[in-house]
Each structure stands twice: as C-alpha cells, then as structure tokens.
Amino acid sequence: MIKVTFTYQNKKFFALEVKGHANSAPYGHDLVCAAVSGVLPGALNALELDPCESEWKESDGYFLFKAKKELSEHDETVIETIYVIIEGLAEAYSKHLSLERKETP
C-alpha cells in the first residue's frame, strides 16, 4: 500500500511524505502506482520555491518533500491541488492507497 501523509504546522504546509508500493497489479501494469508517480513530480515541478528553501529525499518506495520556509500562495495552491488529486485516488483505490493529513504543533 502507498501511504501519503501531508503534514502542516500552524495550518501551513510543512511536509509531504509518500511510502510504499501500491501492488494493485504486476510491475509495469500498476495504475495506482502510475497515477501517484505521475501526479507528484508533475505537480511539484510547478512549485516556485527555491530548491535551497526545501528538502527532498527519494528512494525506491519513498519520497519526502519538506518546506524550510512558509510557502507562497501559489505554492500552497499547488500543494492543495496535489492533496485533492491524491484524495480522489485514495477514495477510488482505498485498498492500495491511503491519505493522511496531520497537524503538528
């Protein structure tokens, strides 16, 4: 299962973490994996945030994006768009994709 977590601090976006594999079909035929793998880089490419103002980690079955400063209104809109898309996918493919939105102090 792919687990996607959006973390907010003081109601502002802080981090996006993606863990795991959907395993909804054989490798190369997994539409859930393809959807998540297409949405994330495509949408994150629209961020205007300077790379020095964020942290990125990626490995097999793992992705992390952390903002080191408060995002612009544009970038908040991009993040919320990603959230809505993942939310729809999680509703449609709940056996293979979960979504969590959490607030930290």
PDB file of N, CA and C in Angstrom:
ATOM      1  N   MET A   1       0.835  -1.180   0.000  1.00  0.00           N
ATOM      2  CA  MET A   1       0.000   0.000   0.000  1.00  0.00           C
ATOM      3  C   MET A   1       0.881   1.245   0.000  1.00  0.00           C
ATOM      4  N   ILE A   2       0.444   2.257  -0.757  1.00  0.00           N
ATOM      5  CA  ILE A   2       1.113   3.553  -0.734  1.00  0.00           C
ATOM      6  C   ILE A   2       0.451   4.388   0.354  1.00  0.00           C
ATOM      7  N   LYS A   3       1.265   4.939   1.244  1.00  0.00           N
ATOM      8  CA  LYS A   3       0.763   5.810   2.312  1.00  0.00           C
ATOM      9  C   LYS A   3       1.289   7.216   2.069  1.00  0.00           C
ATOM     10  N   VAL A   4       0.359   8.151   1.883  1.00  0.00           N
ATOM     11  CA  VAL A   4       0.705   9.543   1.616  1.00  0.00           C
ATOM     12  C   VAL A   4       0.310  10.368   2.830  1.00  0.00           C
ATOM     13  N   THR A   5       1.255  11.154   3.346  1.00  0.00           N
ATOM     14  CA  THR A   5       0.998  11.984   4.523  1.00  0.00           C
ATOM     15  C   THR A   5       1.367  13.430   4.222  1.00  0.00           C
ATOM     16  N   PHE A   6       0.402  14.311   4.413  1.00  0.00           N
ATOM     17  CA  PHE A   6       0.625  15.753   4.335  1.00  0.00           C
ATOM     18  C   PHE A   6       0.685  16.252   5.769  1.00  0.00           C
ATOM     19  N   THR A   7       1.752  16.952   6.122  1.00  0.00           N
ATOM     20  CA  THR A   7       1.914  17.479   7.471  1.00  0.00           C
ATOM     21  C   THR A   7       1.884  19.003   7.431  1.00  0.00           C
ATOM     22  N   TYR A   8       1.151  19.560   8.391  1.00  0.00           N
ATOM     23  CA  TYR A   8       1.004  21.005   8.489  1.00  0.00           C
ATOM     24  C   TYR A   8       1.453  21.449   9.879  1.00  0.00           C
ATOM     25  N   GLN A   9       2.035  22.653   9.948  1.00  0.00           N
ATOM     26  CA  GLN A   9       2.381  23.272  11.224  1.00  0.00           C
ATOM     27  C   GLN A   9       1.698  24.632  11.246  1.00  0.00           C
ATOM     28  N   ASN A  10       0.923  24.871  12.286  1.00  0.00           N
ATOM     29  CA  ASN A  10       0.171  26.132  12.392  1.00  0.00           C
ATOM     30  C   ASN A  10      -0.678  26.381  11.145  1.00  0.00           C
ATOM     31  N   LYS A  11      -1.276  25.314  10.652  1.00  0.00           N
ATOM     32  CA  LYS A  11      -2.183  25.336   9.498  1.00  0.00           C
ATOM     33  C   LYS A  11      -1.494  25.686   8.181  1.00  0.00           C
ATOM     34  N   LYS A  12      -0.182  25.651   8.164  1.00  0.00           N
ATOM     35  CA  LYS A  12       0.582  25.895   6.944  1.00  0.00           C
ATOM     36  C   LYS A  12       1.292  24.611   6.548  1.00  0.00           C
ATOM     37  N   PHE A  13       1.399  24.345   5.254  1.00  0.00           N
ATOM     38  CA  PHE A  13       2.057  23.140   4.767  1.00  0.00           C
ATOM     39  C   PHE A  13       3.488  23.068   5.285  1.00  0.00           C
ATOM     40  N   PHE A  14       3.881  21.859   5.685  1.00  0.00           N
ATOM     41  CA  PHE A  14       5.247  21.630   6.150  1.00  0.00           C
ATOM     42  C   PHE A  14       5.931  20.515   5.361  1.00  0.00           C
ATOM     43  N   ALA A  15       5.240  19.373   5.174  1.00  0.00           N
ATOM     44  CA  ALA A  15       5.907  18.233   4.524  1.00  0.00           C
ATOM     45  C   ALA A  15       4.908  17.330   3.808  1.00  0.00           C
ATOM     46  N   LEU A  16       5.435  16.651   2.804  1.00  0.00           N
ATOM     47  CA  LEU A  16       4.701  15.629   2.060  1.00  0.00           C
ATOM     48  C   LEU A  16       5.580  14.392   2.033  1.00  0.00           C
ATOM     49  N   GLU A  17       5.044  13.278   2.545  1.00  0.00           N
ATOM     50  CA  GLU A  17       5.800  12.024   2.585  1.00  0.00           C
ATOM     51  C   GLU A  17       4.981  10.928   1.914  1.00  0.00           C
ATOM     52  N   VAL A  18       5.637  10.147   1.079  1.00  0.00           N
ATOM     53  CA  VAL A  18       4.997   9.035   0.379  1.00  0.00           C
ATOM     54  C   VAL A  18       5.830   7.794   0.634  1.00  0.00           C
ATOM     55  N   LYS A  19       5.169   6.727   1.126  1.00  0.00           N
ATOM     56  CA  LYS A  19       5.871   5.477   1.446  1.00  0.00           C
ATOM     57  C   LYS A  19       5.146   4.296   0.835  1.00  0.00           C
ATOM     58  N   GLY A  20       5.920   3.334   0.354  1.00  0.00           N
ATOM     59  CA  GLY A  20       5.365   2.049  -0.044  1.00  0.00           C
ATOM     60  C   GLY A  20       5.072   1.909  -1.520  1.00  0.00           C
ATOM     61  N   HIS A  21       4.476   0.773  -1.839  1.00  0.00           N
ATOM     62  CA  HIS A  21       4.110   0.421  -3.203  1.00  0.00           C
ATOM     63  C   HIS A  21       2.640   0.014  -3.212  1.00  0.00           C
ATOM     64  N   ALA A  22       1.941   0.350  -4.273  1.00  0.00           N
ATOM     65  CA  ALA A  22       0.513   0.047  -4.363  1.00  0.00           C
ATOM     66  C   ALA A  22       0.253  -1.450  -4.472  1.00  0.00           C
ATOM     67  N   ASN A  23       1.040  -2.136  -5.282  1.00  0.00           N
ATOM     68  CA  ASN A  23       0.848  -3.568  -5.525  1.00  0.00           C
ATOM     69  C   ASN A  23      -0.573  -3.898  -5.966  1.00  0.00           C
ATOM     70  N   SER A  24      -1.146  -3.026  -6.793  1.00  0.00           N
ATOM     71  CA  SER A  24      -2.507  -3.275  -7.276  1.00  0.00           C
ATOM     72  C   SER A  24      -2.519  -4.110  -8.557  1.00  0.00           C
ATOM     73  N   ALA A  25      -1.337  -4.292  -9.150  1.00  0.00           N
ATOM     74  CA  ALA A  25      -1.200  -5.089 -10.378  1.00  0.00           C
ATOM     75  C   ALA A  25       0.280  -5.430 -10.528  1.00  0.00           C
ATOM     76  N   PRO A  26       0.603  -6.334 -11.438  1.00  0.00           N
ATOM     77  CA  PRO A  26       2.020  -6.656 -11.661  1.00  0.00           C
ATOM     78  C   PRO A  26       2.825  -5.413 -12.058  1.00  0.00           C
ATOM     79  N   TYR A  27       4.100  -5.459 -11.770  1.00  0.00           N
ATOM     80  CA  TYR A  27       5.004  -4.369 -12.113  1.00  0.00           C
ATOM     81  C   TYR A  27       4.833  -3.995 -13.593  1.00  0.00           C
ATOM     82  N   GLY A  28       4.732  -2.718 -13.834  1.00  0.00           N
ATOM     83  CA  GLY A  28       4.546  -2.237 -15.198  1.00  0.00           C
ATOM     84  C   GLY A  28       3.094  -2.115 -15.616  1.00  0.00           C
ATOM     85  N   HIS A  29       2.179  -2.615 -14.785  1.00  0.00           N
ATOM     86  CA  HIS A  29       0.754  -2.561 -15.091  1.00  0.00           C
ATOM     87  C   HIS A  29      -0.045  -1.964 -13.932  1.00  0.00           C
ATOM     88  N   ASP A  30       0.633  -1.404 -12.949  1.00  0.00           N
ATOM     89  CA  ASP A  30       0.001  -0.893 -11.729  1.00  0.00           C
ATOM     90  C   ASP A  30      -0.465   0.545 -11.951  1.00  0.00           C
ATOM     91  N   LEU A  31      -1.769   0.720 -12.178  1.00  0.00           N
ATOM     92  CA  LEU A  31      -2.316   2.035 -12.473  1.00  0.00           C
ATOM     93  C   LEU A  31      -2.295   2.974 -11.266  1.00  0.00           C
ATOM     94  N   VAL A  32      -2.419   2.436 -10.061  1.00  0.00           N
ATOM     95  CA  VAL A  32      -2.360   3.277  -8.857  1.00  0.00           C
ATOM     96  C   VAL A  32      -0.960   3.856  -8.716  1.00  0.00           C
ATOM     97  N   CYS A  33       0.034   3.024  -8.875  1.00  0.00           N
ATOM     98  CA  CYS A  33       1.424   3.478  -8.822  1.00  0.00           C
ATOM     99  C   CYS A  33       1.685   4.509  -9.916  1.00  0.00           C
ATOM    100  N   ALA A  34       1.211   4.237 -11.099  1.00  0.00           N
ATOM    101  CA  ALA A  34       1.418   5.159 -12.218  1.00  0.00           C
ATOM    102  C   ALA A  34       0.762   6.514 -11.953  1.00  0.00           C
ATOM    103  N   ALA A  35      -0.427   6.492 -11.368  1.00  0.00           N
ATOM    104  CA  ALA A  35      -1.124   7.750 -11.072  1.00  0.00           C
ATOM    105  C   ALA A  35      -0.343   8.587 -10.066  1.00  0.00           C
ATOM    106  N   VAL A  36       0.064   7.972  -8.962  1.00  0.00           N
ATOM    107  CA  VAL A  36       0.812   8.698  -7.933  1.00  0.00           C
ATOM    108  C   VAL A  36       2.157   9.155  -8.488  1.00  0.00           C
ATOM    109  N   SER A  37       2.813   8.294  -9.225  1.00  0.00           N
ATOM    110  CA  SER A  37       4.122   8.623  -9.804  1.00  0.00           C
ATOM    111  C   SER A  37       4.023   9.720 -10.856  1.00  0.00           C
ATOM    112  N   GLY A  38       2.884   9.886 -11.450  1.00  0.00           N
ATOM    113  CA  GLY A  38       2.692  10.957 -12.426  1.00  0.00           C
ATOM    114  C   GLY A  38       2.287  12.267 -11.790  1.00  0.00           C
ATOM    115  N   VAL A  39       1.403  12.184 -10.810  1.00  0.00           N
ATOM    116  CA  VAL A  39       0.896  13.395 -10.154  1.00  0.00           C
ATOM    117  C   VAL A  39       2.000  14.123  -9.391  1.00  0.00           C
ATOM    118  N   LEU A  40       2.757  13.406  -8.575  1.00  0.00           N
ATOM    119  CA  LEU A  40       3.730  14.073  -7.706  1.00  0.00           C
ATOM    120  C   LEU A  40       4.788  14.872  -8.458  1.00  0.00           C
ATOM    121  N   PRO A  41       5.582  14.258  -9.315  1.00  0.00           N
ATOM    122  CA  PRO A  41       6.611  15.071  -9.974  1.00  0.00           C
ATOM    123  C   PRO A  41       6.016  16.130 -10.903  1.00  0.00           C
ATOM    124  N   GLY A  42       4.925  15.787 -11.564  1.00  0.00           N
ATOM    125  CA  GLY A  42       4.304  16.753 -12.467  1.00  0.00           C
ATOM    126  C   GLY A  42       3.859  18.002 -11.735  1.00  0.00           C
ATOM    127  N   ALA A  43       3.175  17.827 -10.622  1.00  0.00           N
ATOM    128  CA  ALA A  43       2.685  18.974  -9.863  1.00  0.00           C
ATOM    129  C   ALA A  43       3.811  19.680  -9.110  1.00  0.00           C
ATOM    130  N   LEU A  44       4.721  18.916  -8.524  1.00  0.00           N
ATOM    131  CA  LEU A  44       5.811  19.549  -7.771  1.00  0.00           C
ATOM    132  C   LEU A  44       6.720  20.373  -8.675  1.00  0.00           C
ATOM    133  N   ASN A  45       6.778  20.050  -9.951  1.00  0.00           N
ATOM    134  CA  ASN A  45       7.534  20.864 -10.896  1.00  0.00           C
ATOM    135  C   ASN A  45       6.949  22.265 -11.042  1.00  0.00           C
ATOM    136  N   ALA A  46       5.694  22.440 -10.648  1.00  0.00           N
ATOM    137  CA  ALA A  46       5.049  23.754 -10.743  1.00  0.00           C
ATOM    138  C   ALA A  46       5.382  24.660  -9.558  1.00  0.00           C
ATOM    139  N   LEU A  47       6.047  24.119  -8.539  1.00  0.00           N
ATOM    140  CA  LEU A  47       6.406  24.946  -7.383  1.00  0.00           C
ATOM    141  C   LEU A  47       7.403  26.020  -7.791  1.00  0.00           C
ATOM    142  N   GLU A  48       7.234  27.198  -7.215  1.00  0.00           N
ATOM    143  CA  GLU A  48       8.151  28.304  -7.463  1.00  0.00           C
ATOM    144  C   GLU A  48       9.205  28.415  -6.362  1.00  0.00           C
ATOM    145  N   LEU A  49       9.112  27.570  -5.370  1.00  0.00           N
ATOM    146  CA  LEU A  49      10.026  27.578  -4.230  1.00  0.00           C
ATOM    147  C   LEU A  49      11.453  27.313  -4.683  1.00  0.00           C
ATOM    148  N   ASP A  50      12.369  28.107  -4.195  1.00  0.00           N
ATOM    149  CA  ASP A  50      13.785  27.904  -4.493  1.00  0.00           C
ATOM    150  C   ASP A  50      14.217  26.576  -3.879  1.00  0.00           C
ATOM    151  N   PRO A  51      14.941  25.718  -4.617  1.00  0.00           N
ATOM    152  CA  PRO A  51      15.367  24.419  -4.090  1.00  0.00           C
ATOM    153  C   PRO A  51      16.135  24.517  -2.770  1.00  0.00           C
ATOM    154  N   CYS A  52      16.820  25.631  -2.540  1.00  0.00           N
ATOM    155  CA  CYS A  52      17.554  25.814  -1.279  1.00  0.00           C
ATOM    156  C   CYS A  52      16.610  25.988  -0.092  1.00  0.00           C
ATOM    157  N   GLU A  53      15.343  26.292  -0.377  1.00  0.00           N
ATOM    158  CA  GLU A  53      14.363  26.536   0.678  1.00  0.00           C
ATOM    159  C   GLU A  53      13.509  25.304   0.968  1.00  0.00           C
ATOM    160  N   SER A  54      14.000  24.152   0.507  1.00  0.00           N
ATOM    161  CA  SER A  54      13.255  22.915   0.732  1.00  0.00           C
ATOM    162  C   SER A  54      14.217  21.744   0.833  1.00  0.00           C
ATOM    163  N   GLU A  55      13.675  20.634   1.315  1.00  0.00           N
ATOM    164  CA  GLU A  55      14.450  19.389   1.425  1.00  0.00           C
ATOM    165  C   GLU A  55      13.726  18.326   0.623  1.00  0.00           C
ATOM    166  N   TRP A  56      14.473  17.547  -0.158  1.00  0.00           N
ATOM    167  CA  TRP A  56      13.920  16.494  -0.996  1.00  0.00           C
ATOM    168  C   TRP A  56      14.687  15.205  -0.737  1.00  0.00           C
ATOM    169  N   LYS A  57      13.967  14.119  -0.572  1.00  0.00           N
ATOM    170  CA  LYS A  57      14.591  12.796  -0.462  1.00  0.00           C
ATOM    171  C   LYS A  57      13.768  11.841  -1.302  1.00  0.00           C
ATOM    172  N   GLU A  58      14.457  10.966  -2.003  1.00  0.00           N
ATOM    173  CA  GLU A  58      13.756   9.994  -2.838  1.00  0.00           C
ATOM    174  C   GLU A  58      14.563   8.712  -2.917  1.00  0.00           C
ATOM    175  N   SER A  59      13.870   7.593  -2.770  1.00  0.00           N
ATOM    176  CA  SER A  59      14.460   6.277  -2.963  1.00  0.00           C
ATOM    177  C   SER A  59      13.323   5.344  -3.364  1.00  0.00           C
ATOM    178  N   ASP A  60      13.627   4.092  -3.606  1.00  0.00           N
ATOM    179  CA  ASP A  60      12.608   3.143  -4.025  1.00  0.00           C
ATOM    180  C   ASP A  60      11.500   3.057  -2.981  1.00  0.00           C
ATOM    181  N   GLY A  61      10.304   3.415  -3.361  1.00  0.00           N
ATOM    182  CA  GLY A  61       9.162   3.325  -2.460  1.00  0.00           C
ATOM    183  C   GLY A  61       9.116   4.413  -1.405  1.00  0.00           C
ATOM    184  N   TYR A  62       9.891   5.481  -1.576  1.00  0.00           N
ATOM    185  CA  TYR A  62       9.902   6.550  -0.583  1.00  0.00           C
ATOM    186  C   TYR A  62      10.151   7.898  -1.247  1.00  0.00           C
ATOM    187  N   PHE A  63       9.387   8.904  -0.808  1.00  0.00           N
ATOM    188  CA  PHE A  63       9.575  10.274  -1.270  1.00  0.00           C
ATOM    189  C   PHE A  63       9.243  11.217  -0.122  1.00  0.00           C
ATOM    190  N   LEU A  64      10.070  12.250   0.057  1.00  0.00           N
ATOM    191  CA  LEU A  64       9.838  13.252   1.095  1.00  0.00           C
ATOM    192  C   LEU A  64      10.134  14.629   0.528  1.00  0.00           C
ATOM    193  N   PHE A  65       9.206  15.551   0.755  1.00  0.00           N
ATOM    194  CA  PHE A  65       9.413  16.958   0.420  1.00  0.00           C
ATOM    195  C   PHE A  65       9.078  17.767   1.668  1.00  0.00           C
ATOM    196  N   LYS A  66      10.039  18.563   2.142  1.00  0.00           N
ATOM    197  CA  LYS A  66       9.827  19.434   3.298  1.00  0.00           C
ATOM    198  C   LYS A  66      10.123  20.872   2.905  1.00  0.00           C
ATOM    199  N   ALA A  67       9.240  21.749   3.298  1.00  0.00           N
ATOM    200  CA  ALA A  67       9.461  23.174   3.072  1.00  0.00           C
ATOM    201  C   ALA A  67      10.240  23.737   4.257  1.00  0.00           C
ATOM    202  N   LYS A  68      11.294  24.487   3.972  1.00  0.00           N
ATOM    203  CA  LYS A  68      12.091  25.092   5.035  1.00  0.00           C
ATOM    204  C   LYS A  68      11.590  26.488   5.393  1.00  0.00           C
ATOM    205  N   LYS A  69      10.612  26.979   4.640  1.00  0.00           N
ATOM    206  CA  LYS A  69      10.011  28.276   4.922  1.00  0.00           C
ATOM    207  C   LYS A  69       8.552  28.226   4.494  1.00  0.00           C
ATOM    208  N   GLU A  70       7.794  29.211   4.903  1.00  0.00           N
ATOM    209  CA  GLU A  70       6.388  29.262   4.544  1.00  0.00           C
ATOM    210  C   GLU A  70       6.250  29.408   3.030  1.00  0.00           C
ATOM    211  N   LEU A  71       5.318  28.662   2.456  1.00  0.00           N
ATOM    212  CA  LEU A  71       5.126  28.677   1.015  1.00  0.00           C
ATOM    213  C   LEU A  71       4.346  29.909   0.574  1.00  0.00           C
ATOM    214  N   SER A  72       4.588  30.298  -0.658  1.00  0.00           N
ATOM    215  CA  SER A  72       3.809  31.384  -1.258  1.00  0.00           C
ATOM    216  C   SER A  72       2.380  30.892  -1.481  1.00  0.00           C
ATOM    217  N   GLU A  73       1.494  31.822  -1.775  1.00  0.00           N
ATOM    218  CA  GLU A  73       0.108  31.453  -2.053  1.00  0.00           C
ATOM    219  C   GLU A  73       0.047  30.517  -3.266  1.00  0.00           C
ATOM    220  N   HIS A  74       0.854  30.782  -4.276  1.00  0.00           N
ATOM    221  CA  HIS A  74       0.909  29.922  -5.463  1.00  0.00           C
ATOM    222  C   HIS A  74       1.301  28.502  -5.086  1.00  0.00           C
ATOM    223  N   ASP A  75       2.379  28.368  -4.300  1.00  0.00           N
ATOM    224  CA  ASP A  75       2.865  27.041  -3.938  1.00  0.00           C
ATOM    225  C   ASP A  75       1.896  26.318  -3.015  1.00  0.00           C
ATOM    226  N   GLU A  76       1.210  27.039  -2.133  1.00  0.00           N
ATOM    227  CA  GLU A  76       0.166  26.420  -1.298  1.00  0.00           C
ATOM    228  C   GLU A  76      -0.940  25.855  -2.187  1.00  0.00           C
ATOM    229  N   THR A  77      -1.280  26.579  -3.244  1.00  0.00           N
ATOM    230  CA  THR A  77      -2.309  26.115  -4.176  1.00  0.00           C
ATOM    231  C   THR A  77      -1.861  24.843  -4.887  1.00  0.00           C
ATOM    232  N   VAL A  78      -0.603  24.790  -5.275  1.00  0.00           N
ATOM    233  CA  VAL A  78      -0.062  23.579  -5.905  1.00  0.00           C
ATOM    234  C   VAL A  78      -0.165  22.396  -4.940  1.00  0.00           C
ATOM    235  N   ILE A  79       0.258  22.593  -3.690  1.00  0.00           N
ATOM    236  CA  ILE A  79       0.211  21.515  -2.688  1.00  0.00           C
ATOM    237  C   ILE A  79      -1.231  21.070  -2.448  1.00  0.00           C
ATOM    238  N   GLU A  80      -2.153  22.008  -2.332  1.00  0.00           N
ATOM    239  CA  GLU A  80      -3.553  21.646  -2.105  1.00  0.00           C
ATOM    240  C   GLU A  80      -4.139  20.921  -3.317  1.00  0.00           C
ATOM    241  N   THR A  81      -3.685  21.260  -4.508  1.00  0.00           N
ATOM    242  CA  THR A  81      -4.121  20.551  -5.713  1.00  0.00           C
ATOM    243  C   THR A  81      -3.648  19.100  -5.668  1.00  0.00           C
ATOM    244  N   ILE A  82      -2.396  18.902  -5.271  1.00  0.00           N
ATOM    245  CA  ILE A  82      -1.876  17.539  -5.118  1.00  0.00           C
ATOM    246  C   ILE A  82      -2.726  16.785  -4.105  1.00  0.00           C
ATOM    247  N   TYR A  83      -3.047  17.436  -2.986  1.00  0.00           N
ATOM    248  CA  TYR A  83      -3.850  16.788  -1.948  1.00  0.00           C
ATOM    249  C   TYR A  83      -5.197  16.320  -2.521  1.00  0.00           C
ATOM    250  N   VAL A  84      -5.879  17.186  -3.237  1.00  0.00           N
ATOM    251  CA  VAL A  84      -7.203  16.853  -3.783  1.00  0.00           C
ATOM    252  C   VAL A  84      -7.111  15.693  -4.776  1.00  0.00           C
ATOM    253  N   ILE A  85      -6.081  15.699  -5.596  1.00  0.00           N
ATOM    254  CA  ILE A  85      -5.911  14.597  -6.564  1.00  0.00           C
ATOM    255  C   ILE A  85      -5.650  13.278  -5.841  1.00  0.00           C
ATOM    256  N   ILE A  86      -4.734  13.294  -4.862  1.00  0.00           N
ATOM    257  CA  ILE A  86      -4.433  12.075  -4.097  1.00  0.00           C
ATOM    258  C   ILE A  86      -5.657  11.625  -3.309  1.00  0.00           C
ATOM    259  N   GLU A  87      -6.423  12.574  -2.788  1.00  0.00           N
ATOM    260  CA  GLU A  87      -7.643  12.241  -2.048  1.00  0.00           C
ATOM    261  C   GLU A  87      -8.622  11.462  -2.939  1.00  0.00           C
ATOM    262  N   GLY A  88      -8.782  11.919  -4.167  1.00  0.00           N
ATOM    263  CA  GLY A  88      -9.670  11.216  -5.100  1.00  0.00           C
ATOM    264  C   GLY A  88      -9.161   9.827  -5.425  1.00  0.00           C
ATOM    265  N   LEU A  89      -7.861   9.711  -5.624  1.00  0.00           N
ATOM    266  CA  LEU A  89      -7.275   8.395  -5.891  1.00  0.00           C
ATOM    267  C   LEU A  89      -7.431   7.468  -4.682  1.00  0.00           C
ATOM    268  N   ALA A  90      -7.230   8.007  -3.484  1.00  0.00           N
ATOM    269  CA  ALA A  90      -7.352   7.192  -2.261  1.00  0.00           C
ATOM    270  C   ALA A  90      -8.778   6.700  -2.066  1.00  0.00           C
ATOM    271  N   GLU A  91      -9.750   7.520  -2.423  1.00  0.00           N
ATOM    272  CA  GLU A  91     -11.149   7.094  -2.327  1.00  0.00           C
ATOM    273  C   GLU A  91     -11.447   5.983  -3.332  1.00  0.00           C
ATOM    274  N   ALA A  92     -10.912   6.122  -4.526  1.00  0.00           N
ATOM    275  CA  ALA A  92     -11.177   5.137  -5.580  1.00  0.00           C
ATOM    276  C   ALA A  92     -10.397   3.838  -5.379  1.00  0.00           C
ATOM    277  N   TYR A  93      -9.226   3.920  -4.769  1.00  0.00           N
ATOM    278  CA  TYR A  93      -8.339   2.755  -4.631  1.00  0.00           C
ATOM    279  C   TYR A  93      -7.899   2.578  -3.174  1.00  0.00           C
ATOM    280  N   SER A  94      -8.861   2.552  -2.283  1.00  0.00           N
ATOM    281  CA  SER A  94      -8.568   2.533  -0.842  1.00  0.00           C
ATOM    282  C   SER A  94      -7.801   1.294  -0.373  1.00  0.00           C
ATOM    283  N   LYS A  95      -7.820   0.222  -1.136  1.00  0.00           N
ATOM    284  CA  LYS A  95      -7.057  -0.976  -0.759  1.00  0.00           C
ATOM    285  C   LYS A  95      -5.567  -0.826  -1.071  1.00  0.00           C
ATOM    286  N   HIS A  96      -5.243   0.188  -1.888  1.00  0.00           N
ATOM    287  CA  HIS A  96      -3.862   0.329  -2.355  1.00  0.00           C
ATOM    288  C   HIS A  96      -3.230   1.689  -2.061  1.00  0.00           C
ATOM    289  N   LEU A  97      -4.048   2.637  -1.581  1.00  0.00           N
ATOM    290  CA  LEU A  97      -3.557   3.999  -1.343  1.00  0.00           C
ATOM    291  C   LEU A  97      -4.282   4.615  -0.161  1.00  0.00           C
ATOM    292  N   SER A  98      -3.518   5.123   0.801  1.00  0.00           N
ATOM    293  CA  SER A  98      -4.123   5.809   1.939  1.00  0.00           C
ATOM    294  C   SER A  98      -3.583   7.229   2.015  1.00  0.00           C
ATOM    295  N   LEU A  99      -4.383   8.103   2.565  1.00  0.00           N
ATOM    296  CA  LEU A  99      -4.033   9.516   2.678  1.00  0.00           C
ATOM    297  C   LEU A  99      -4.271   9.978   4.098  1.00  0.00           C
ATOM    298  N   GLU A 100      -3.285  10.695   4.640  1.00  0.00           N
ATOM    299  CA  GLU A 100      -3.421  11.260   5.983  1.00  0.00           C
ATOM    300  C   GLU A 100      -3.033  12.725   5.926  1.00  0.00           C
ATOM    301  N   ARG A 101      -3.790  13.528   6.625  1.00  0.00           N
ATOM    302  CA  ARG A 101      -3.500  14.957   6.764  1.00  0.00           C
ATOM    303  C   ARG A 101      -3.360  15.202   8.251  1.00  0.00           C
ATOM    304  N   LYS A 102      -2.164  15.628   8.674  1.00  0.00           N
ATOM    305  CA  LYS A 102      -1.974  15.806  10.118  1.00  0.00           C
ATOM    306  C   LYS A 102      -1.387  17.164  10.424  1.00  0.00           C
ATOM    307  N   GLU A 103      -1.695  17.631  11.605  1.00  0.00           N
ATOM    308  CA  GLU A 103      -1.240  18.923  12.103  1.00  0.00           C
ATOM    309  C   GLU A 103      -0.269  18.667  13.254  1.00  0.00           C
ATOM    310  N   THR A 104       0.884  19.312  13.200  1.00  0.00           N
ATOM    311  CA  THR A 104       1.846  19.196  14.299  1.00  0.00           C
ATOM    312  C   THR A 104       1.993  20.564  14.957  1.00  0.00           C
ATOM    313  N   PRO A 105       2.296  20.561  16.231  1.00  0.00           N
ATOM    314  CA  PRO A 105       2.424  21.857  16.942  1.00  0.00           C
ATOM    315  C   PRO A 105       3.659  22.635  16.510  1.00  0.00           C
TER     316      PRO A 105
END
